[in-house]
C-alpha atoms as a PDB file:
ATOM      1  CA  MET A   1      -1.626 -13.885  14.690  1.00  0.00           C
ATOM      2  CA  ILE A   2      -2.478 -13.923  10.972  1.00  0.00           C
ATOM      3  CA  LEU A   3      -2.656 -17.723  10.781  1.00  0.00           C
ATOM      4  CA  ASN A   4      -5.182 -17.728  13.609  1.00  0.00           C
ATOM      5  CA  ASN A   5      -7.398 -15.449  11.517  1.00  0.00           C
ATOM      6  CA  LEU A   6      -7.335 -17.428   8.262  1.00  0.00           C
ATOM      7  CA  LYS A   7     -10.985 -18.376   8.701  1.00  0.00           C
ATOM      8  CA  ASN A   8     -11.827 -14.672   8.532  1.00  0.00           C
ATOM      9  CA  PHE A   9     -10.275 -14.246   5.078  1.00  0.00           C
ATOM     10  CA  THR A  10     -13.525 -15.255   3.372  1.00  0.00           C
ATOM     11  CA  ASN A  11     -13.983 -11.602   2.375  1.00  0.00           C
ATOM     12  CA  VAL A  12     -11.182 -12.094  -0.154  1.00  0.00           C
ATOM     13  CA  PHE A  13     -13.237 -14.723  -1.985  1.00  0.00           C
ATOM     14  CA  LYS A  14     -16.324 -12.517  -1.816  1.00  0.00           C
ATOM     15  CA  ASN A  15     -14.433  -9.513  -3.242  1.00  0.00           C
ATOM     16  CA  ARG A  16     -15.045  -7.591  -0.015  1.00  0.00           C
ATOM     17  CA  PRO A  17     -12.539  -5.542   2.019  1.00  0.00           C
ATOM     18  CA  ILE A  18     -10.221  -7.073   4.605  1.00  0.00           C
ATOM     19  CA  LEU A  19      -8.297  -3.900   5.488  1.00  0.00           C
ATOM     20  CA  CYS A  20      -9.111  -0.396   6.703  1.00  0.00           C
ATOM     21  CA  ASN A  21      -6.543   2.361   6.332  1.00  0.00           C
ATOM     22  CA  TYR A  22      -7.848   4.721   8.998  1.00  0.00           C
ATOM     23  CA  TYR A  23      -6.214   8.152   8.809  1.00  0.00           C
ATOM     24  CA  VAL A  24      -6.555   9.393  12.372  1.00  0.00           C
ATOM     25  CA  THR A  25      -4.623  12.590  11.587  1.00  0.00           C
ATOM     26  CA  TYR A  26      -3.024  14.347   8.638  1.00  0.00           C
ATOM     27  CA  ARG A  27      -0.623  16.228  10.919  1.00  0.00           C
ATOM     28  CA  CYS A  28       3.009  15.177  11.167  1.00  0.00           C
ATOM     29  CA  ASN A  29       5.970  16.167  13.335  1.00  0.00           C
ATOM     30  CA  ALA A  30       8.640  14.952  10.875  1.00  0.00           C
ATOM     31  CA  ARG A  31       9.833  16.339   7.531  1.00  0.00           C
ATOM     32  CA  CYS A  32      10.627  13.192   5.549  1.00  0.00           C
ATOM     33  CA  VAL A  33      12.185  13.739   2.132  1.00  0.00           C
ATOM     34  CA  PHE A  34      10.013  11.025   0.529  1.00  0.00           C
ATOM     35  CA  CYS A  35       6.667  12.295   1.882  1.00  0.00           C
ATOM     36  CA  ASP A  36       4.625  15.438   1.293  1.00  0.00           C
ATOM     37  CA  PHE A  37       2.311  15.429   4.328  1.00  0.00           C
ATOM     38  CA  TRP A  38       4.363  18.009   6.187  1.00  0.00           C
ATOM     39  CA  GLN A  39       4.528  20.251   3.118  1.00  0.00           C
ATOM     40  CA  ARG A  40       0.765  20.657   2.738  1.00  0.00           C
ATOM     41  CA  GLU A  41      -0.685  23.719   4.422  1.00  0.00           C
ATOM     42  CA  ASP A  42      -4.176  22.184   4.571  1.00  0.00           C
ATOM     43  CA  TYR A  43      -2.816  19.304   6.673  1.00  0.00           C
ATOM     44  CA  LYS A  44      -0.891  21.315   9.269  1.00  0.00           C
ATOM     45  CA  HIS A  45      -3.947  22.458  11.223  1.00  0.00           C
ATOM     46  CA  SER A  46      -6.465  19.856  10.058  1.00  0.00           C
ATOM     47  CA  GLN A  47      -8.918  18.177  12.404  1.00  0.00           C
ATOM     48  CA  ASP A  48      -8.002  14.788  13.871  1.00  0.00           C
ATOM     49  CA  ALA A  49     -10.409  11.854  13.808  1.00  0.00           C
ATOM     50  CA  GLY A  50     -12.838  11.907  16.728  1.00  0.00           C
ATOM     51  CA  LEU A  51     -13.108   8.996  19.146  1.00  0.00           C
ATOM     52  CA  LYS A  52     -16.887   8.614  18.938  1.00  0.00           C
ATOM     53  CA  GLU A  53     -17.003   8.365  15.145  1.00  0.00           C
ATOM     54  CA  VAL A  54     -13.979   6.047  15.050  1.00  0.00           C
ATOM     55  CA  ILE A  55     -15.627   3.625  17.491  1.00  0.00           C
ATOM     56  CA  ARG A  56     -18.846   3.647  15.463  1.00  0.00           C
ATOM     57  CA  ASN A  57     -16.959   2.985  12.227  1.00  0.00           C
ATOM     58  CA  LEU A  58     -14.903   0.199  13.818  1.00  0.00           C
ATOM     59  CA  GLN A  59     -18.088  -1.551  14.880  1.00  0.00           C
ATOM     60  CA  ASP A  60     -19.448  -1.296  11.326  1.00  0.00           C
ATOM     61  CA  LEU A  61     -16.165  -2.518   9.841  1.00  0.00           C
ATOM     62  CA  ARG A  62     -16.162  -5.567  12.093  1.00  0.00           C
ATOM     63  CA  ARG A  63     -19.713  -6.468  11.120  1.00  0.00           C
ATOM     64  CA  MET A  64     -18.582  -6.281   7.480  1.00  0.00           C
ATOM     65  CA  GLY A  65     -15.786  -8.797   8.059  1.00  0.00           C
ATOM     66  CA  VAL A  66     -12.787  -6.451   7.909  1.00  0.00           C
ATOM     67  CA  ILE A  67      -9.778  -8.057   9.657  1.00  0.00           C
ATOM     68  CA  PHE A  68      -7.010  -5.444   9.781  1.00  0.00           C
ATOM     69  CA  VAL A  69      -7.131  -1.807  10.845  1.00  0.00           C
ATOM     70  CA  ASP A  70      -4.077   0.318  10.171  1.00  0.00           C
ATOM     71  CA  PHE A  71      -4.237   3.487  12.262  1.00  0.00           C
ATOM     72  CA  THR A  72      -2.199   5.818  10.119  1.00  0.00           C
ATOM     73  CA  GLY A  73      -1.434   9.429   9.274  1.00  0.00           C
ATOM     74  CA  GLY A  74       0.463  11.739   9.325  1.00  0.00           C
ATOM     75  CA  GLU A  75       1.954  10.706  12.614  1.00  0.00           C
ATOM     76  CA  PRO A  76      -0.827   8.700  14.318  1.00  0.00           C
ATOM     77  CA  LEU A  77       0.546   9.268  17.834  1.00  0.00           C
ATOM     78  CA  LEU A  78      -0.401  12.938  17.468  1.00  0.00           C
ATOM     79  CA  ASN A  79      -4.041  11.916  17.927  1.00  0.00           C
ATOM     80  CA  LYS A  80      -4.608  12.039  21.693  1.00  0.00           C
ATOM     81  CA  ASP A  81      -7.365   9.415  21.508  1.00  0.00           C
ATOM     82  CA  LEU A  82      -5.289   6.753  19.731  1.00  0.00           C
ATOM     83  CA  PRO A  83      -5.018   4.425  22.789  1.00  0.00           C
ATOM     84  CA  GLN A  84      -8.801   4.413  23.234  1.00  0.00           C
ATOM     85  CA  MET A  85      -9.270   3.715  19.517  1.00  0.00           C
ATOM     86  CA  LEU A  86      -6.863   0.805  19.722  1.00  0.00           C
ATOM     87  CA  LYS A  87      -8.580  -0.592  22.822  1.00  0.00           C
ATOM     88  CA  GLU A  88     -11.892  -0.675  20.985  1.00  0.00           C
ATOM     89  CA  ALA A  89     -10.301  -2.256  17.928  1.00  0.00           C
ATOM     90  CA  LYS A  90      -8.749  -4.983  20.073  1.00  0.00           C
ATOM     91  CA  ARG A  91     -12.030  -5.541  21.910  1.00  0.00           C
ATOM     92  CA  LEU A  92     -13.713  -6.095  18.558  1.00  0.00           C
ATOM     93  CA  GLY A  93     -11.054  -8.602  17.490  1.00  0.00           C
ATOM     94  CA  PHE A  94      -9.176  -6.646  14.827  1.00  0.00           C
ATOM     95  CA  ILE A  95      -5.510  -7.108  13.985  1.00  0.00           C
ATOM     96  CA  THR A  96      -4.155  -3.609  14.616  1.00  0.00           C
ATOM     97  CA  SER A  97      -1.178  -1.800  13.139  1.00  0.00           C
ATOM     98  CA  VAL A  98       0.526   1.542  13.750  1.00  0.00           C
ATOM     99  CA  THR A  99       3.581   3.051  12.076  1.00  0.00           C
ATOM    100  CA  THR A 100       5.390   5.772  13.999  1.00  0.00           C
ATOM    101  CA  ASN A 101       8.511   7.884  13.615  1.00  0.00           C
ATOM    102  CA  THR A 102       8.899   7.308  17.426  1.00  0.00           C
ATOM    103  CA  ILE A 103       9.273  10.990  18.341  1.00  0.00           C
ATOM    104  CA  LEU A 104       6.303  10.686  20.708  1.00  0.00           C
ATOM    105  CA  TYR A 105       6.594   6.978  21.503  1.00  0.00           C
ATOM    106  CA  PRO A 106       8.534   7.160  24.811  1.00  0.00           C
ATOM    107  CA  GLY A 107       5.828   9.358  26.300  1.00  0.00           C
ATOM    108  CA  ARG A 108       2.986   7.131  25.084  1.00  0.00           C
ATOM    109  CA  ALA A 109       4.500   3.654  25.234  1.00  0.00           C
ATOM    110  CA  GLN A 110       2.697   2.599  28.424  1.00  0.00           C
ATOM    111  CA  GLN A 111      -0.664   3.683  26.957  1.00  0.00           C
ATOM    112  CA  LEU A 112      -0.047   1.666  23.776  1.00  0.00           C
ATOM    113  CA  LYS A 113       1.353  -1.463  25.426  1.00  0.00           C
ATOM    114  CA  GLY A 114      -0.404  -4.608  24.237  1.00  0.00           C
ATOM    115  CA  LEU A 115      -2.745  -2.743  21.883  1.00  0.00           C
ATOM    116  CA  VAL A 116      -0.772  -2.850  18.616  1.00  0.00           C
ATOM    117  CA  ASP A 117      -0.265  -6.203  16.904  1.00  0.00           C
ATOM    118  CA  ILE A 118       1.939  -4.811  14.131  1.00  0.00           C
ATOM    119  CA  LEU A 119       3.970  -1.913  15.492  1.00  0.00           C
ATOM    120  CA  HIS A 120       6.298  -0.342  12.931  1.00  0.00           C
ATOM    121  CA  PHE A 121       9.198   1.909  13.905  1.00  0.00           C
ATOM    122  CA  SER A 122      10.605   3.813  10.930  1.00  0.00           C
ATOM    123  CA  LEU A 123      14.332   3.048  10.700  1.00  0.00           C
ATOM    124  CA  ASP A 124      16.016   4.066   7.443  1.00  0.00           C
ATOM    125  CA  SER A 125      19.644   4.286   8.556  1.00  0.00           C
ATOM    126  CA  LEU A 126      21.941   3.524  11.472  1.00  0.00           C
ATOM    127  CA  ASN A 127      23.932   6.623  10.622  1.00  0.00           C
ATOM    128  CA  PRO A 128      22.482   9.347  12.886  1.00  0.00           C
ATOM    129  CA  LYS A 129      23.215  12.163  10.458  1.00  0.00           C
ATOM    130  CA  ARG A 130      21.732  10.330   7.469  1.00  0.00           C
ATOM    131  CA  LEU A 131      18.611   9.237   9.348  1.00  0.00           C
ATOM    132  CA  ASN A 132      18.000  12.733  10.678  1.00  0.00           C
ATOM    133  CA  THR A 133      18.430  14.099   7.144  1.00  0.00           C
ATOM    134  CA  LEU A 134      15.992  11.581   5.644  1.00  0.00           C
ATOM    135  CA  ARG A 135      13.423  12.307   8.355  1.00  0.00           C
ATOM    136  CA  GLY A 136      14.079  16.059   8.396  1.00  0.00           C
ATOM    137  CA  VAL A 137      14.202  16.201  12.205  1.00  0.00           C
ATOM    138  CA  PRO A 138      16.649  14.909  14.874  1.00  0.00           C
ATOM    139  CA  VAL A 139      15.008  11.538  15.510  1.00  0.00           C
ATOM    140  CA  PHE A 140      17.882   9.035  15.804  1.00  0.00           C
ATOM    141  CA  GLU A 141      18.360   9.120  19.577  1.00  0.00           C
ATOM    142  CA  ARG A 142      14.602   8.994  20.203  1.00  0.00           C
ATOM    143  CA  LEU A 143      14.308   5.998  17.883  1.00  0.00           C
ATOM    144  CA  MET A 144      17.050   4.056  19.682  1.00  0.00           C
ATOM    145  CA  GLU A 145      15.405   4.916  23.005  1.00  0.00           C
ATOM    146  CA  SER A 146      12.042   3.740  21.673  1.00  0.00           C
ATOM    147  CA  ILE A 147      13.409   0.381  20.529  1.00  0.00           C
ATOM    148  CA  ASP A 148      14.937  -0.317  23.947  1.00  0.00           C
ATOM    149  CA  LEU A 149      11.788   0.855  25.723  1.00  0.00           C
ATOM    150  CA  ALA A 150       9.475  -1.249  23.556  1.00  0.00           C
ATOM    151  CA  LEU A 151      11.565  -4.365  24.164  1.00  0.00           C
ATOM    152  CA  SER A 152      11.567  -3.717  27.916  1.00  0.00           C
ATOM    153  CA  LEU A 153       7.754  -3.602  27.789  1.00  0.00           C
ATOM    154  CA  GLY A 154       7.547  -6.912  25.944  1.00  0.00           C
ATOM    155  CA  GLU A 155       6.632  -5.307  22.633  1.00  0.00           C
ATOM    156  CA  LYS A 156       7.999  -6.602  19.302  1.00  0.00           C
ATOM    157  CA  PRO A 157       8.217  -3.602  16.976  1.00  0.00           C
ATOM    158  CA  ASP A 158       9.066  -4.177  13.335  1.00  0.00           C
ATOM    159  CA  LEU A 159      11.799  -1.970  11.913  1.00  0.00           C
ATOM    160  CA  LEU A 160      10.337  -0.398   8.772  1.00  0.00           C
ATOM    161  CA  PHE A 161      13.131   0.337   6.317  1.00  0.00           C
ATOM    162  CA  THR A 162      12.010   2.687   3.533  1.00  0.00           C
ATOM    163  CA  VAL A 163      14.606   1.858   0.899  1.00  0.00           C
ATOM    164  CA  THR A 164      15.917   4.524  -1.466  1.00  0.00           C
ATOM    165  CA  ALA A 165      18.938   4.724  -3.755  1.00  0.00           C
ATOM    166  CA  GLN A 166      20.678   6.684  -1.000  1.00  0.00           C
ATOM    167  CA  ASN A 167      20.361   4.133   1.810  1.00  0.00           C
ATOM    168  CA  ALA A 168      20.024   0.706   0.115  1.00  0.00           C
ATOM    169  CA  LYS A 169      23.655  -0.203   0.842  1.00  0.00           C
ATOM    170  CA  GLU A 170      22.915  -0.024   4.576  1.00  0.00           C
ATOM    171  CA  MET A 171      21.025  -3.332   4.386  1.00  0.00           C
ATOM    172  CA  PRO A 172      23.834  -5.449   5.954  1.00  0.00           C
ATOM    173  CA  GLN A 173      24.118  -3.245   9.033  1.00  0.00           C
ATOM    174  CA  LEU A 174      20.342  -3.019   9.440  1.00  0.00           C
ATOM    175  CA  VAL A 175      19.932  -6.789   9.054  1.00  0.00           C
ATOM    176  CA  THR A 176      22.524  -7.400  11.778  1.00  0.00           C
ATOM    177  CA  PHE A 177      20.905  -4.780  14.014  1.00  0.00           C
ATOM    178  CA  ALA A 178      17.485  -6.442  13.627  1.00  0.00           C
ATOM    179  CA  GLN A 179      18.773  -9.992  14.086  1.00  0.00           C
ATOM    180  CA  LYS A 180      20.584  -9.147  17.314  1.00  0.00           C
ATOM    181  CA  ARG A 181      17.303  -7.879  18.751  1.00  0.00           C
ATOM    182  CA  LYS A 182      15.136 -10.584  17.117  1.00  0.00           C
ATOM    183  CA  LEU A 183      13.062  -7.905  15.428  1.00  0.00           C
ATOM    184  CA  LEU A 184      11.736  -8.030  11.873  1.00  0.00           C
ATOM    185  CA  LEU A 185      13.356  -5.712   9.345  1.00  0.00           C
ATOM    186  CA  VAL A 186      10.543  -4.909   6.907  1.00  0.00           C
ATOM    187  CA  THR A 187      11.847  -3.569   3.608  1.00  0.00           C
ATOM    188  CA  ASN A 188       9.641  -0.924   2.038  1.00  0.00           C
ATOM    189  CA  PRO A 189      10.880   0.193  -1.403  1.00  0.00           C
ATOM    190  CA  VAL A 190      10.080   3.861  -1.902  1.00  0.00           C
ATOM    191  CA  PHE A 191       7.407   4.463  -4.548  1.00  0.00           C
ATOM    192  CA  SER A 192       6.946   7.425  -6.862  1.00  0.00           C
ATOM    193  CA  TYR A 193       4.006   9.542  -5.788  1.00  0.00           C
ATOM    194  CA  PHE A 194       4.410  13.329  -5.608  1.00  0.00           C
ATOM    195  CA  GLY A 195       7.325  13.724  -8.010  1.00  0.00           C
ATOM    196  CA  ASN A 196       9.863  11.831  -5.930  1.00  0.00           C
ATOM    197  CA  THR A 197      11.946   9.102  -7.562  1.00  0.00           C
ATOM    198  CA  GLY A 198      10.862   5.499  -7.078  1.00  0.00           C
ATOM    199  CA  ILE A 199      13.166   2.597  -6.259  1.00  0.00           C
ATOM    200  CA  SER A 200      15.945   1.719  -8.707  1.00  0.00           C
ATOM    201  CA  GLU A 201      16.591  -1.730 -10.184  1.00  0.00           C
ATOM    202  CA  SER A 202      20.023  -1.868  -8.568  1.00  0.00           C
ATOM    203  CA  ALA A 203      18.484  -1.163  -5.147  1.00  0.00           C
ATOM    204  CA  LEU A 204      15.864  -3.891  -5.664  1.00  0.00           C
ATOM    205  CA  LYS A 205      18.555  -6.413  -6.570  1.00  0.00           C
ATOM    206  CA  TYR A 206      20.592  -5.486  -3.529  1.00  0.00           C
ATOM    207  CA  ILE A 207      17.606  -5.917  -1.196  1.00  0.00           C
ATOM    208  CA  GLU A 208      16.959  -9.379  -2.640  1.00  0.00           C
ATOM    209  CA  ILE A 209      20.396 -10.607  -1.598  1.00  0.00           C
ATOM    210  CA  PHE A 210      18.988 -10.670   1.948  1.00  0.00           C
ATOM    211  CA  GLN A 211      15.481 -12.002   1.247  1.00  0.00           C
ATOM    212  CA  ASN A 212      16.173 -15.396   2.854  1.00  0.00           C
ATOM    213  CA  ALA A 213      18.034 -14.006   5.860  1.00  0.00           C
ATOM    214  CA  SER A 214      16.374 -14.460   9.231  1.00  0.00           C
ATOM    215  CA  TYR A 215      14.283 -11.551  10.496  1.00  0.00           C
ATOM    216  CA  VAL A 216      14.101  -9.909   7.062  1.00  0.00           C
ATOM    217  CA  TYR A 217      10.845  -9.340   5.162  1.00  0.00           C
ATOM    218  CA  VAL A 218      11.092  -8.808   1.411  1.00  0.00           C
ATOM    219  CA  ASN A 219       7.863  -8.778  -0.589  1.00  0.00           C
ATOM    220  CA  ARG A 220       8.842 -10.701  -3.716  1.00  0.00           C
ATOM    221  CA  ALA A 221       5.501 -10.089  -5.363  1.00  0.00           C
ATOM    222  CA  TYR A 222       5.903  -6.344  -5.007  1.00  0.00           C
ATOM    223  CA  HIS A 223       9.416  -6.436  -6.485  1.00  0.00           C
ATOM    224  CA  HIS A 224       8.137  -8.418  -9.473  1.00  0.00           C
ATOM    225  CA  PHE A 225       5.274  -5.957  -9.838  1.00  0.00           C
ATOM    226  CA  ILE A 226       7.638  -2.965  -9.909  1.00  0.00           C
ATOM    227  CA  ARG A 227       9.795  -4.654 -12.556  1.00  0.00           C
ATOM    228  CA  SER A 228       6.710  -5.359 -14.666  1.00  0.00           C
ATOM    229  CA  GLY A 229       5.915  -1.660 -14.863  1.00  0.00           C
ATOM    230  CA  GLY A 230       3.308  -1.495 -12.115  1.00  0.00           C
ATOM    231  CA  ASN A 231      -0.423  -1.407 -12.687  1.00  0.00           C
ATOM    232  CA  GLN A 232      -1.635  -1.538 -16.287  1.00  0.00           C
ATOM    233  CA  ARG A 233      -4.992   0.090 -17.011  1.00  0.00           C
ATOM    234  CA  GLY A 234      -5.808  -2.387 -19.774  1.00  0.00           C
ATOM    235  CA  ASN A 235      -5.351  -5.341 -17.417  1.00  0.00           C
ATOM    236  CA  PRO A 236      -5.401  -3.822 -13.922  1.00  0.00           C
ATOM    237  CA  ARG A 237      -3.962  -5.680 -10.957  1.00  0.00           C
ATOM    238  CA  CYS A 238      -5.133  -3.117  -8.423  1.00  0.00           C
ATOM    239  CA  ARG A 239      -7.935  -4.212  -6.106  1.00  0.00           C
ATOM    240  CA  GLY A 240      -7.574  -1.184  -3.850  1.00  0.00           C
ATOM    241  CA  VAL A 241     -11.290  -0.446  -3.658  1.00  0.00           C
ATOM    242  CA  SER A 242     -12.261  -4.100  -3.182  1.00  0.00           C
ATOM    243  CA  SER A 243      -9.635  -4.806  -0.533  1.00  0.00           C
ATOM    244  CA  THR A 244      -9.336  -1.563   1.414  1.00  0.00           C
ATOM    245  CA  VAL A 245     -11.655   0.902   3.144  1.00  0.00           C
ATOM    246  CA  VAL A 246      -9.951   4.296   3.389  1.00  0.00           C
ATOM    247  CA  ILE A 247     -11.339   6.726   5.982  1.00  0.00           C
ATOM    248  CA  SER A 248     -10.170  10.311   6.493  1.00  0.00           C
ATOM    249  CA  PRO A 249      -9.838  12.175   9.811  1.00  0.00           C
ATOM    250  CA  GLN A 250     -12.897  14.157   8.715  1.00  0.00           C
ATOM    251  CA  ASN A 251     -14.991  10.950   8.699  1.00  0.00           C
ATOM    252  CA  GLU A 252     -15.110  10.596   4.927  1.00  0.00           C
ATOM    253  CA  LEU A 253     -14.767   7.571   2.677  1.00  0.00           C
ATOM    254  CA  LEU A 254     -11.965   8.303   0.202  1.00  0.00           C
ATOM    255  CA  LEU A 255     -12.221   6.939  -3.350  1.00  0.00           C
ATOM    256  CA  PRO A 256     -10.653   5.260  -5.160  1.00  0.00           C
ATOM    257  CA  CYS A 257      -7.719   5.488  -2.725  1.00  0.00           C
ATOM    258  CA  PHE A 258      -6.032   8.004  -0.436  1.00  0.00           C
ATOM    259  CA  HIS A 259      -3.167   8.935  -2.723  1.00  0.00           C
ATOM    260  CA  HIS A 260      -5.377   9.608  -5.752  1.00  0.00           C
ATOM    261  CA  ARG A 261      -8.640  10.444  -4.069  1.00  0.00           C
ATOM    262  CA  SER A 262     -11.015  12.092  -6.487  1.00  0.00           C
ATOM    263  CA  GLN A 263     -14.179  11.579  -4.439  1.00  0.00           C
ATOM    264  CA  THR A 264     -14.968  11.962  -0.750  1.00  0.00           C
ATOM    265  CA  ILE A 265     -18.203  10.562   0.635  1.00  0.00           C
ATOM    266  CA  PRO A 266     -19.327  11.836   4.065  1.00  0.00           C
ATOM    267  CA  ILE A 267     -19.866   8.820   6.306  1.00  0.00           C
ATOM    268  CA  GLY A 268     -22.064  10.505   8.884  1.00  0.00           C
ATOM    269  CA  THR A 269     -23.471   7.794  11.126  1.00  0.00           C
ATOM    270  CA  SER A 270     -23.535   4.964   8.563  1.00  0.00           C
ATOM    271  CA  LEU A 271     -20.388   3.563   6.990  1.00  0.00           C
ATOM    272  CA  PRO A 272     -22.394   0.785   5.259  1.00  0.00           C
ATOM    273  CA  GLU A 273     -24.440   3.413   3.409  1.00  0.00           C
ATOM    274  CA  ALA A 274     -21.260   5.082   2.153  1.00  0.00           C
ATOM    275  CA  LEU A 275     -19.867   1.728   1.042  1.00  0.00           C
ATOM    276  CA  ASN A 276     -23.087   0.881  -0.782  1.00  0.00           C
ATOM    277  CA  SER A 277     -23.195   4.247  -2.546  1.00  0.00           C
ATOM    278  CA  LYS A 278     -23.298   4.687  -6.308  1.00  0.00           C
ATOM    279  CA  GLN A 279     -19.906   6.422  -6.170  1.00  0.00           C
ATOM    280  CA  ARG A 280     -18.227   3.415  -4.577  1.00  0.00           C
ATOM    281  CA  ARG A 281     -19.892   1.002  -6.992  1.00  0.00           C
ATOM    282  CA  GLU A 282     -18.430   3.066  -9.819  1.00  0.00           C
ATOM    283  CA  ALA A 283     -15.034   3.078  -8.122  1.00  0.00           C
ATOM    284  CA  LEU A 284     -15.163  -0.715  -7.799  1.00  0.00           C
ATOM    285  CA  LYS A 285     -15.864  -1.031 -11.495  1.00  0.00           C
ATOM    286  CA  ASN A 286     -13.053   1.365 -12.420  1.00  0.00           C
ATOM    287  CA  GLN A 287     -10.389   0.368  -9.871  1.00  0.00           C
ATOM    288  CA  GLY A 288      -7.018   0.246 -11.567  1.00  0.00           C
ATOM    289  CA  ARG A 289      -8.433   1.819 -14.738  1.00  0.00           C
ATOM    290  CA  TYR A 290      -8.236   5.544 -13.940  1.00  0.00           C
ATOM    291  CA  SER A 291      -5.633   7.590 -15.825  1.00  0.00           C
ATOM    292  CA  PHE A 292      -3.558   7.980 -12.655  1.00  0.00           C
ATOM    293  CA  CYS A 293      -3.550   4.194 -12.168  1.00  0.00           C
ATOM    294  CA  GLN A 294      -1.179   3.587 -15.080  1.00  0.00           C
ATOM    295  CA  ASN A 295       2.199   2.313 -13.786  1.00  0.00           C
ATOM    296  CA  CYS A 296       1.135   2.889 -10.154  1.00  0.00           C
ATOM    297  CA  THR A 297       3.184   0.954  -7.577  1.00  0.00           C
ATOM    298  CA  ILE A 298       1.790   2.324  -4.294  1.00  0.00           C
ATOM    299  CA  ASN A 299       2.326  -0.613  -1.952  1.00  0.00           C
ATOM    300  CA  CYS A 300      -0.430   0.375   0.504  1.00  0.00           C
ATOM    301  CA  TYR A 301      -2.951  -1.029  -1.976  1.00  0.00           C
ATOM    302  CA  PHE A 302      -1.066  -3.675  -3.935  1.00  0.00           C
ATOM    303  CA  ASP A 303      -0.018  -5.735  -0.934  1.00  0.00           C
ATOM    304  CA  PRO A 304      -3.666  -6.562  -0.090  1.00  0.00           C
ATOM    305  CA  SER A 305      -4.598  -6.583  -3.795  1.00  0.00           C
ATOM    306  CA  PHE A 306      -2.302  -9.535  -4.456  1.00  0.00           C
ATOM    307  CA  LEU A 307      -4.611 -11.725  -2.346  1.00  0.00           C
ATOM    308  CA  TYR A 308      -7.629 -11.076  -4.565  1.00  0.00           C
ATOM    309  CA  LYS A 309      -6.560 -13.007  -7.668  1.00  0.00           C
ATOM    310  CA  ARG A 310      -4.858 -16.402  -8.003  1.00  0.00           C
ATOM    311  CA  ASP A 311      -1.931 -15.472 -10.221  1.00  0.00           C
ATOM    312  CA  PRO A 312       1.884 -15.305  -9.819  1.00  0.00           C
ATOM    313  CA  TYR A 313       1.586 -12.230  -7.602  1.00  0.00           C
ATOM    314  CA  PHE A 314      -0.639 -14.134  -5.198  1.00  0.00           C
ATOM    315  CA  TYR A 315       1.788 -17.041  -4.870  1.00  0.00           C
ATOM    316  CA  LEU A 316       4.870 -14.815  -4.687  1.00  0.00           C
ATOM    317  CA  SER A 317       3.270 -12.856  -1.848  1.00  0.00           C
ATOM    318  CA  VAL A 318       2.328 -15.877   0.276  1.00  0.00           C
ATOM    319  CA  TRP A 319       5.808 -17.148   1.207  1.00  0.00           C
ATOM    320  CA  PRO A 320       7.151 -13.844   2.621  1.00  0.00           C
ATOM    321  CA  LYS A 321       3.992 -13.507   4.710  1.00  0.00           C
ATOM    322  CA  LEU A 322       4.387 -17.017   6.125  1.00  0.00           C
ATOM    323  CA  LYS A 323       8.064 -16.324   6.841  1.00  0.00           C
ATOM    324  CA  TYR A 324       7.081 -13.080   8.583  1.00  0.00           C
ATOM    325  CA  GLU A 325       4.482 -14.864  10.689  1.00  0.00           C
ATOM    326  CA  PHE A 326       6.896 -17.623  11.701  1.00  0.00           C
ATOM    327  CA  GLU A 327       9.677 -15.237  12.691  1.00  0.00           C
ATOM    328  CA  LYS A 328       7.330 -12.750  14.325  1.00  0.00           C
ATOM    329  CA  THR A 329       5.445 -15.268  16.427  1.00  0.00           C
ATOM    330  CA  PHE A 330       6.968 -18.730  16.620  1.00  0.00           C
ATOM    331  CA  GLN A 331      10.716 -18.397  16.132  1.00  0.00           C
ATOM    332  CA  ARG A 332      11.079 -15.485  18.530  1.00  0.00           C
ATOM    333  CA  THR A 333       8.965 -17.313  21.125  1.00  0.00           C
ATOM    334  CA  ILE A 334      11.076 -20.466  20.822  1.00  0.00           C
ATOM    335  CA  ARG A 335      14.335 -18.553  21.185  1.00  0.00           C
ATOM    336  CA  THR A 336      13.216 -16.598  24.224  1.00  0.00           C
ATOM    337  CA  GLU A 337      11.826 -19.528  26.204  1.00  0.00           C
END
């Protein structure tokens, strides 16, 4: 999947974006302890992204050389037009991704079949009580149902494990669970954002015990980055503005990133105009240098950022991605033939 698109990675060398984080809704039907979406009153009744404007923006993004589109939220399955958005993205040749808490997945699985290249199911514990507590809603049974349903449809969902101090010790059970189903367990160390506590050193070390296990994805570059204190304004590693186009449900370009957006530029009918604006040029110049950038470890932006400079982070990030690609595509295919 990714290897087949290597020729399209020329945007990295041109300092242009390869990824779009497209927020198709800010609404969410979970109450996760490590997220604040559900706590914000302005999100609860906010407008979802419209199909017409999404299609227009996707066409512009493709012309610009963007490779990946992550349809995100909130809970993206709450947007009724998500299947049509994904169909257009696939028609245009994008690599698509969706992360879901799976509450709505059983009812929408047939509509989504074959449209999501990187489908993430949030799985933070195999203990029903603990998972339901972390997610704030009774989701465990629906998640197990969704995994079985996805497999029956020929889908290969990744199991996205948001690792905290409270659930890190569940790695062995989760690894076994993933391996039995030949599904990737993607470790996602929790980051500090709205006052919550980031990942601990002991939890990082414990995750790394399993980094060479089959069907386990551990981003070594990101771990090293966390240990180094995150982004440093004097020598910024963030390339969030260069690498990523962030679009809101209200059809706005968010700068410099979603989590610390200080500017919103209405896109209207021309995404290229918004991207060529004075505000974005300023954001490009200042990426990683804002006051809120100091010690930032928000993985949404650093994972693509690591590709934009040939340094230890670049090389540390390459091997896990190749391992992911092999186990996602080739190894699973070989074992099922």
